[in-house]
């Protein structure tokens, strides 16, 4: 497109006022700049737009037709500019969430926000913690939500809530004992999340002195798949976020094993790139999400 928005704005002002000097003063331009803009526009269109009558520029038939064609467009562009400058709850946002958060927390937060602000569109990308950090680094998501701490100079982190990891099984025989030491369970068939998972990383770090003796039977990408195996295979154990298994424990599908001397709490974090531009929508959603995380985790 050879015609610029600035040329159209100048044209409309000249059409309204008729005097180049006055238009120049009002728009903070030189008279020669206004005159050159009109000449360039007429050159692009291949026709004259004004007649000079009594020292005043007056639209001719081509000029009137051009004005009627562009005036609504320029007004619409001004409205769009004003909306984006003044309305913080319009626009699109892309968030990334690690699997546990994506399955059990983030959909509720996104739906609530979009119901509250219908002009906002939020999409979500899902991955494990390492994958979400990479998305933030690459700029393919605006905000990320992950499980566990990271060390990355390009990423800013802020805690959004405390989660509890629990040791669970579907094997009733294991529930007969009220409490276990972690080393008494190492020989059983452990099912963990895949490499790069925040849940896996936090758990293995907590039991780092016992990792070499752990019988890692299977690793799976999704928590729901782990729960299915636990229900169907005796002697299997896993470490899973409590929010993911609360209902299964309540209805007797899975059983929590008490581990003596271990605190399996971890923090969830909100992350963004250190150079990320923070729009009003970005800032408002990040505050809303942090608040709702706390409410959901403290239920």
Protein backbone atom coordinates (compact mmCIF):
# COMPACT_ATOMS: atom_id res chain seq x y z
CA UNK A 1 0.00 0.00 0.00
CA UNK A 2 1.59 3.27 -1.17
CA UNK A 3 -0.82 5.66 0.56
CA UNK A 4 0.07 6.24 4.22
CA UNK A 5 -2.23 6.89 7.15
CA UNK A 6 -0.43 10.20 7.72
CA UNK A 7 -1.19 11.34 4.17
CA UNK A 8 -4.86 10.52 4.67
CA UNK A 9 -4.95 12.43 7.96
CA UNK A 10 -3.36 15.49 6.36
CA UNK A 11 -5.74 15.27 3.40
CA UNK A 12 -8.78 15.21 5.69
CA UNK A 13 -7.55 18.22 7.64
CA UNK A 14 -6.92 20.20 4.45
CA UNK A 15 -10.37 19.20 3.17
CA UNK A 16 -11.89 20.44 6.42
CA UNK A 17 -9.93 23.70 6.84
CA UNK A 18 -8.85 24.63 3.32
CA UNK A 19 -5.69 26.55 4.29
CA UNK A 20 -2.29 24.89 4.33
CA UNK A 21 -0.81 27.27 6.90
CA UNK A 22 -3.57 26.60 9.42
CA UNK A 23 -3.37 22.84 8.89
CA UNK A 24 0.40 22.99 9.37
CA UNK A 25 0.05 24.88 12.65
CA UNK A 26 -2.59 22.52 14.02
CA UNK A 27 -0.65 19.39 13.10
CA UNK A 28 2.77 20.67 14.15
CA UNK A 29 4.18 20.51 10.62
CA UNK A 30 5.72 22.96 8.21
CA UNK A 31 3.56 24.37 5.43
CA UNK A 32 5.90 22.81 2.85
CA UNK A 33 5.48 19.37 4.50
CA UNK A 34 1.68 19.65 4.25
CA UNK A 35 1.88 20.81 0.63
CA UNK A 36 4.30 18.00 -0.28
CA UNK A 37 2.05 15.40 1.35
CA UNK A 38 -0.94 16.51 -0.75
CA UNK A 39 1.16 16.54 -3.94
CA UNK A 40 2.48 13.02 -3.23
CA UNK A 41 -1.04 11.77 -2.58
CA UNK A 42 -2.33 13.26 -5.85
CA UNK A 43 0.64 11.74 -7.67
CA UNK A 44 -0.14 8.27 -6.27
CA UNK A 45 -3.83 8.59 -7.22
CA UNK A 46 -3.07 10.15 -10.60
CA UNK A 47 -5.51 13.03 -10.25
CA UNK A 48 -6.03 16.42 -8.59
CA UNK A 49 -8.09 16.40 -5.39
CA UNK A 50 -8.47 20.15 -4.78
CA UNK A 51 -9.36 23.29 -6.69
CA UNK A 52 -7.87 26.58 -5.53
CA UNK A 53 -10.73 29.09 -5.12
CA UNK A 54 -10.14 32.52 -3.55
CA UNK A 55 -6.90 31.45 -1.84
CA UNK A 56 -8.61 28.40 -0.35
CA UNK A 57 -8.28 24.74 -1.28
CA UNK A 58 -11.69 23.23 -2.04
CA UNK A 59 -12.38 19.59 -2.82
CA UNK A 60 -13.24 18.79 -6.43
CA UNK A 61 -15.39 15.80 -7.44
CA UNK A 62 -12.41 13.37 -7.18
CA UNK A 63 -11.47 14.81 -3.80
CA UNK A 64 -15.01 14.44 -2.46
CA UNK A 65 -15.18 10.82 -3.60
CA UNK A 66 -11.80 10.09 -2.03
CA UNK A 67 -12.82 11.75 1.25
CA UNK A 68 -16.05 9.70 1.48
CA UNK A 69 -14.03 6.53 0.85
CA UNK A 70 -11.28 7.07 3.44
CA UNK A 71 -13.00 9.03 6.22
CA UNK A 72 -14.66 5.94 7.79
CA UNK A 73 -11.40 4.00 7.51
CA UNK A 74 -9.35 6.67 9.28
CA UNK A 75 -11.99 6.98 12.01
CA UNK A 76 -11.95 3.22 12.52
CA UNK A 77 -8.16 3.18 12.79
CA UNK A 78 -8.29 5.99 15.35
CA UNK A 79 -10.91 4.07 17.34
CA UNK A 80 -8.75 0.94 17.28
CA UNK A 81 -5.72 2.92 18.45
CA UNK A 82 -7.72 4.48 21.27
CA UNK A 83 -9.11 1.10 22.34
CA UNK A 84 -5.67 -0.47 22.52
CA UNK A 85 -4.25 2.49 24.42
CA UNK A 86 -7.07 2.78 26.94
CA UNK A 87 -8.66 -0.66 27.28
CA UNK A 88 -6.56 -3.07 29.29
CA UNK A 89 -8.99 -5.95 28.93
CA UNK A 90 -9.10 -6.33 25.20
CA UNK A 91 -6.72 -8.42 23.18
CA UNK A 92 -5.09 -11.83 23.06
CA UNK A 93 -2.76 -13.58 25.47
CA UNK A 94 -1.00 -16.93 25.19
CA UNK A 95 -0.04 -18.78 28.35
CA UNK A 96 1.98 -21.95 28.79
CA UNK A 97 1.29 -24.37 31.61
CA UNK A 98 3.08 -27.49 32.77
CA UNK A 99 0.93 -30.60 32.77
CA UNK A 100 -0.41 -30.66 36.34
CA UNK A 101 -1.28 -26.98 36.24
CA UNK A 102 -2.78 -27.31 32.75
CA UNK A 103 -4.96 -30.23 33.80
CA UNK A 104 -6.21 -29.08 37.19
CA UNK A 105 -5.79 -25.32 37.66
CA UNK A 106 -5.27 -23.14 34.60
CA UNK A 107 -8.49 -24.00 32.65
CA UNK A 108 -10.59 -22.68 35.56
CA UNK A 109 -8.58 -19.46 35.73
CA UNK A 110 -8.69 -18.84 31.97
CA UNK A 111 -12.43 -19.52 31.72
CA UNK A 112 -13.22 -17.25 34.66
CA UNK A 113 -11.15 -14.42 33.18
CA UNK A 114 -12.67 -14.65 29.71
CA UNK A 115 -16.18 -14.79 31.19
CA UNK A 116 -15.40 -11.64 33.14
CA UNK A 117 -13.81 -9.90 30.15
CA UNK A 118 -15.49 -11.13 26.92
CA UNK A 119 -13.16 -9.08 24.69
CA UNK A 120 -10.12 -11.05 25.89
CA UNK A 121 -8.98 -14.24 24.16
CA UNK A 122 -6.56 -16.48 26.08
CA UNK A 123 -5.05 -19.61 24.55
CA UNK A 124 -2.98 -22.20 26.38
CA UNK A 125 0.00 -24.33 25.38
CA UNK A 126 0.84 -27.41 27.43
CA UNK A 127 4.19 -29.08 28.13
CA UNK A 128 6.38 -30.20 30.97
CA UNK A 129 8.29 -27.62 33.02
CA UNK A 130 11.36 -27.66 30.76
CA UNK A 131 9.20 -27.21 27.66
CA UNK A 132 7.29 -24.26 29.15
CA UNK A 133 10.55 -22.54 30.13
CA UNK A 134 11.74 -22.97 26.54
CA UNK A 135 8.48 -21.48 25.21
CA UNK A 136 8.97 -18.44 27.45
CA UNK A 137 12.56 -18.05 26.26
CA UNK A 138 11.51 -18.28 22.62
CA UNK A 139 8.60 -15.86 23.07
CA UNK A 140 5.93 -18.33 21.92
CA UNK A 141 3.99 -17.73 25.17
CA UNK A 142 3.47 -14.50 27.10
CA UNK A 143 3.30 -16.11 30.54
CA UNK A 144 4.27 -19.52 31.84
CA UNK A 145 3.14 -21.53 34.86
CA UNK A 146 5.46 -24.26 36.12
CA UNK A 147 6.06 -26.70 38.98
CA UNK A 148 9.29 -26.16 40.89
CA UNK A 149 12.15 -23.70 40.83
CA UNK A 150 14.39 -23.08 37.83
CA UNK A 151 17.72 -21.34 37.28
CA UNK A 152 17.54 -19.30 34.09
CA UNK A 153 18.91 -15.77 33.68
CA UNK A 154 16.44 -14.98 30.86
CA UNK A 155 13.36 -15.84 32.89
CA UNK A 156 11.74 -13.94 35.77
CA UNK A 157 9.95 -16.15 38.29
CA UNK A 158 7.42 -15.37 41.01
CA UNK A 159 5.73 -17.91 43.33
CA UNK A 160 1.96 -18.30 42.96
CA UNK A 161 1.18 -20.99 45.51
CA UNK A 162 2.31 -24.02 47.48
CA UNK A 163 1.43 -27.51 46.30
CA UNK A 164 1.79 -30.82 48.14
CA UNK A 165 3.11 -33.96 46.50
CA UNK A 166 1.76 -37.22 47.90
CA UNK A 167 2.88 -40.84 47.60
CA UNK A 168 -0.04 -42.89 46.30
CA UNK A 169 -0.85 -46.45 45.32
CA UNK A 170 -3.82 -48.51 44.22
CA UNK A 171 -2.60 -51.52 46.18
CA UNK A 172 -4.70 -52.03 49.34
CA UNK A 173 -2.05 -54.27 50.88
CA UNK A 174 0.32 -51.33 51.18
CA UNK A 175 -2.19 -49.33 53.21
CA UNK A 176 -2.12 -51.82 56.09
CA UNK A 177 0.95 -50.06 57.45
CA UNK A 178 0.21 -46.58 58.80
CA UNK A 179 3.59 -45.03 58.06
CA UNK A 180 6.67 -45.80 55.98
CA UNK A 181 10.27 -44.72 55.74
CA UNK A 182 11.03 -43.90 52.12
CA UNK A 183 13.74 -46.58 51.90
CA UNK A 184 11.14 -49.25 52.77
CA UNK A 185 9.31 -48.45 49.52
CA UNK A 186 12.17 -48.23 47.04
CA UNK A 187 11.83 -51.85 45.86
CA UNK A 188 8.22 -51.41 44.73
CA UNK A 189 7.37 -50.48 41.14
CA UNK A 190 7.62 -46.71 40.88
CA UNK A 191 5.83 -44.85 38.10
CA UNK A 192 7.02 -41.29 37.59
CA UNK A 193 6.45 -38.45 35.17
CA UNK A 194 8.82 -38.13 32.20
CA UNK A 195 12.19 -36.39 32.16
CA UNK A 196 11.71 -32.61 32.29
CA UNK A 197 8.65 -32.82 34.53
CA UNK A 198 8.61 -30.52 37.54
CA UNK A 199 6.86 -33.17 39.65
CA UNK A 200 9.56 -35.74 38.86
CA UNK A 201 12.37 -33.25 39.45
CA UNK A 202 11.06 -32.13 42.85
CA UNK A 203 10.43 -35.70 44.03
CA UNK A 204 13.84 -37.02 43.00
CA UNK A 205 15.54 -34.01 44.56
CA UNK A 206 13.70 -34.64 47.84
CA UNK A 207 14.88 -38.27 47.96
CA UNK A 208 18.28 -37.66 46.33
CA UNK A 209 20.08 -39.77 48.95
CA UNK A 210 17.95 -42.79 47.97
CA UNK A 211 17.60 -42.35 44.19
CA UNK A 212 20.11 -45.07 43.28
CA UNK A 213 17.94 -47.66 45.01
CA UNK A 214 14.67 -46.57 43.40
CA UNK A 215 12.97 -49.21 41.25
CA UNK A 216 11.80 -47.03 38.36
CA UNK A 217 9.28 -49.29 36.65
CA UNK A 218 7.76 -46.83 34.18
CA UNK A 219 7.70 -43.16 33.29
CA UNK A 220 4.68 -41.54 31.65
CA UNK A 221 3.89 -38.09 30.34
CA UNK A 222 0.42 -37.62 31.82
CA UNK A 223 -0.82 -37.88 35.39
CA UNK A 224 -4.08 -39.48 34.31
CA UNK A 225 -2.12 -42.30 32.67
CA UNK A 226 -0.13 -42.83 35.87
CA UNK A 227 -3.34 -43.02 37.91
CA UNK A 228 -4.77 -45.61 35.53
CA UNK A 229 -1.71 -47.86 35.95
CA UNK A 230 -1.79 -47.46 39.73
CA UNK A 231 -5.41 -48.62 39.83
CA UNK A 232 -4.78 -51.65 37.65
CA UNK A 233 -1.30 -52.88 38.66
CA UNK A 234 -0.52 -54.16 42.15
CA UNK A 235 2.70 -53.12 43.82
CA UNK A 236 2.92 -49.82 41.93
CA UNK A 237 3.57 -46.47 43.60
CA UNK A 238 3.86 -42.90 42.41
CA UNK A 239 4.44 -39.38 43.61
CA UNK A 240 1.70 -37.06 42.34
CA UNK A 241 0.37 -33.59 43.08
CA UNK A 242 -2.34 -33.81 45.73
CA UNK A 243 -4.73 -31.68 43.67
CA UNK A 244 -4.56 -34.37 40.97
CA UNK A 245 -5.53 -37.26 43.24
CA UNK A 246 -7.78 -35.74 45.92
CA UNK A 247 -10.97 -37.11 44.38
CA UNK A 248 -9.41 -40.52 43.71
CA UNK A 249 -8.36 -40.77 47.36
CA UNK A 250 -11.77 -39.60 48.61
CA UNK A 251 -13.65 -42.22 46.58
CA UNK A 252 -11.25 -45.04 47.49
CA UNK A 253 -9.68 -45.57 44.05
CA UNK A 254 -6.20 -44.67 45.30
CA UNK A 255 -4.55 -44.58 48.71
CA UNK A 256 -2.09 -42.11 50.19
CA UNK A 257 0.92 -43.55 51.95
CA UNK A 258 2.35 -41.61 54.87
CA UNK A 259 6.11 -41.08 54.63
CA UNK A 260 8.03 -40.38 57.82
CA UNK A 261 10.53 -37.53 57.86
CA UNK A 262 9.78 -36.08 54.41
CA UNK A 263 8.15 -32.81 53.42
CA UNK A 264 6.95 -33.13 49.83
CA UNK A 265 5.66 -29.57 49.39
CA UNK A 266 6.75 -27.51 46.39
CA UNK A 267 5.94 -24.14 44.90
CA UNK A 268 4.21 -23.30 41.66
CA UNK A 269 5.73 -20.38 39.76
CA UNK A 270 4.57 -17.81 37.24
CA UNK A 271 7.31 -16.97 34.73
CA UNK A 272 7.96 -14.54 31.90
CA UNK A 273 10.91 -13.45 29.79
CA UNK A 274 12.98 -10.69 31.40
CA UNK A 275 12.60 -8.55 28.25
CA UNK A 276 8.86 -9.14 27.86
CA UNK A 277 6.77 -6.02 27.24
CA UNK A 278 4.14 -5.92 30.00
CA UNK A 279 0.88 -4.67 28.51
CA UNK A 280 -2.03 -3.78 30.77
CA UNK A 281 -3.70 -7.07 29.81
CA UNK A 282 -0.51 -8.96 30.69
CA UNK A 283 -0.28 -7.24 34.09
CA UNK A 284 -3.94 -7.61 34.97
CA UNK A 285 -4.16 -11.30 34.03
CA UNK A 286 -0.93 -12.12 35.89
CA UNK A 287 -2.33 -10.56 39.08
CA UNK A 288 -5.68 -12.35 38.63
CA UNK A 289 -3.95 -15.69 38.03
CA UNK A 290 -1.73 -15.37 41.12
CA UNK A 291 -4.77 -14.58 43.27
CA UNK A 292 -6.82 -17.48 41.92
CA UNK A 293 -3.91 -19.93 42.27
CA UNK A 294 -3.86 -19.24 45.99
CA UNK A 295 -7.62 -19.74 46.31
CA UNK A 296 -7.65 -23.00 44.36
CA UNK A 297 -4.69 -24.51 46.21
CA UNK A 298 -6.05 -23.54 49.62
CA UNK A 299 -9.47 -25.13 49.12
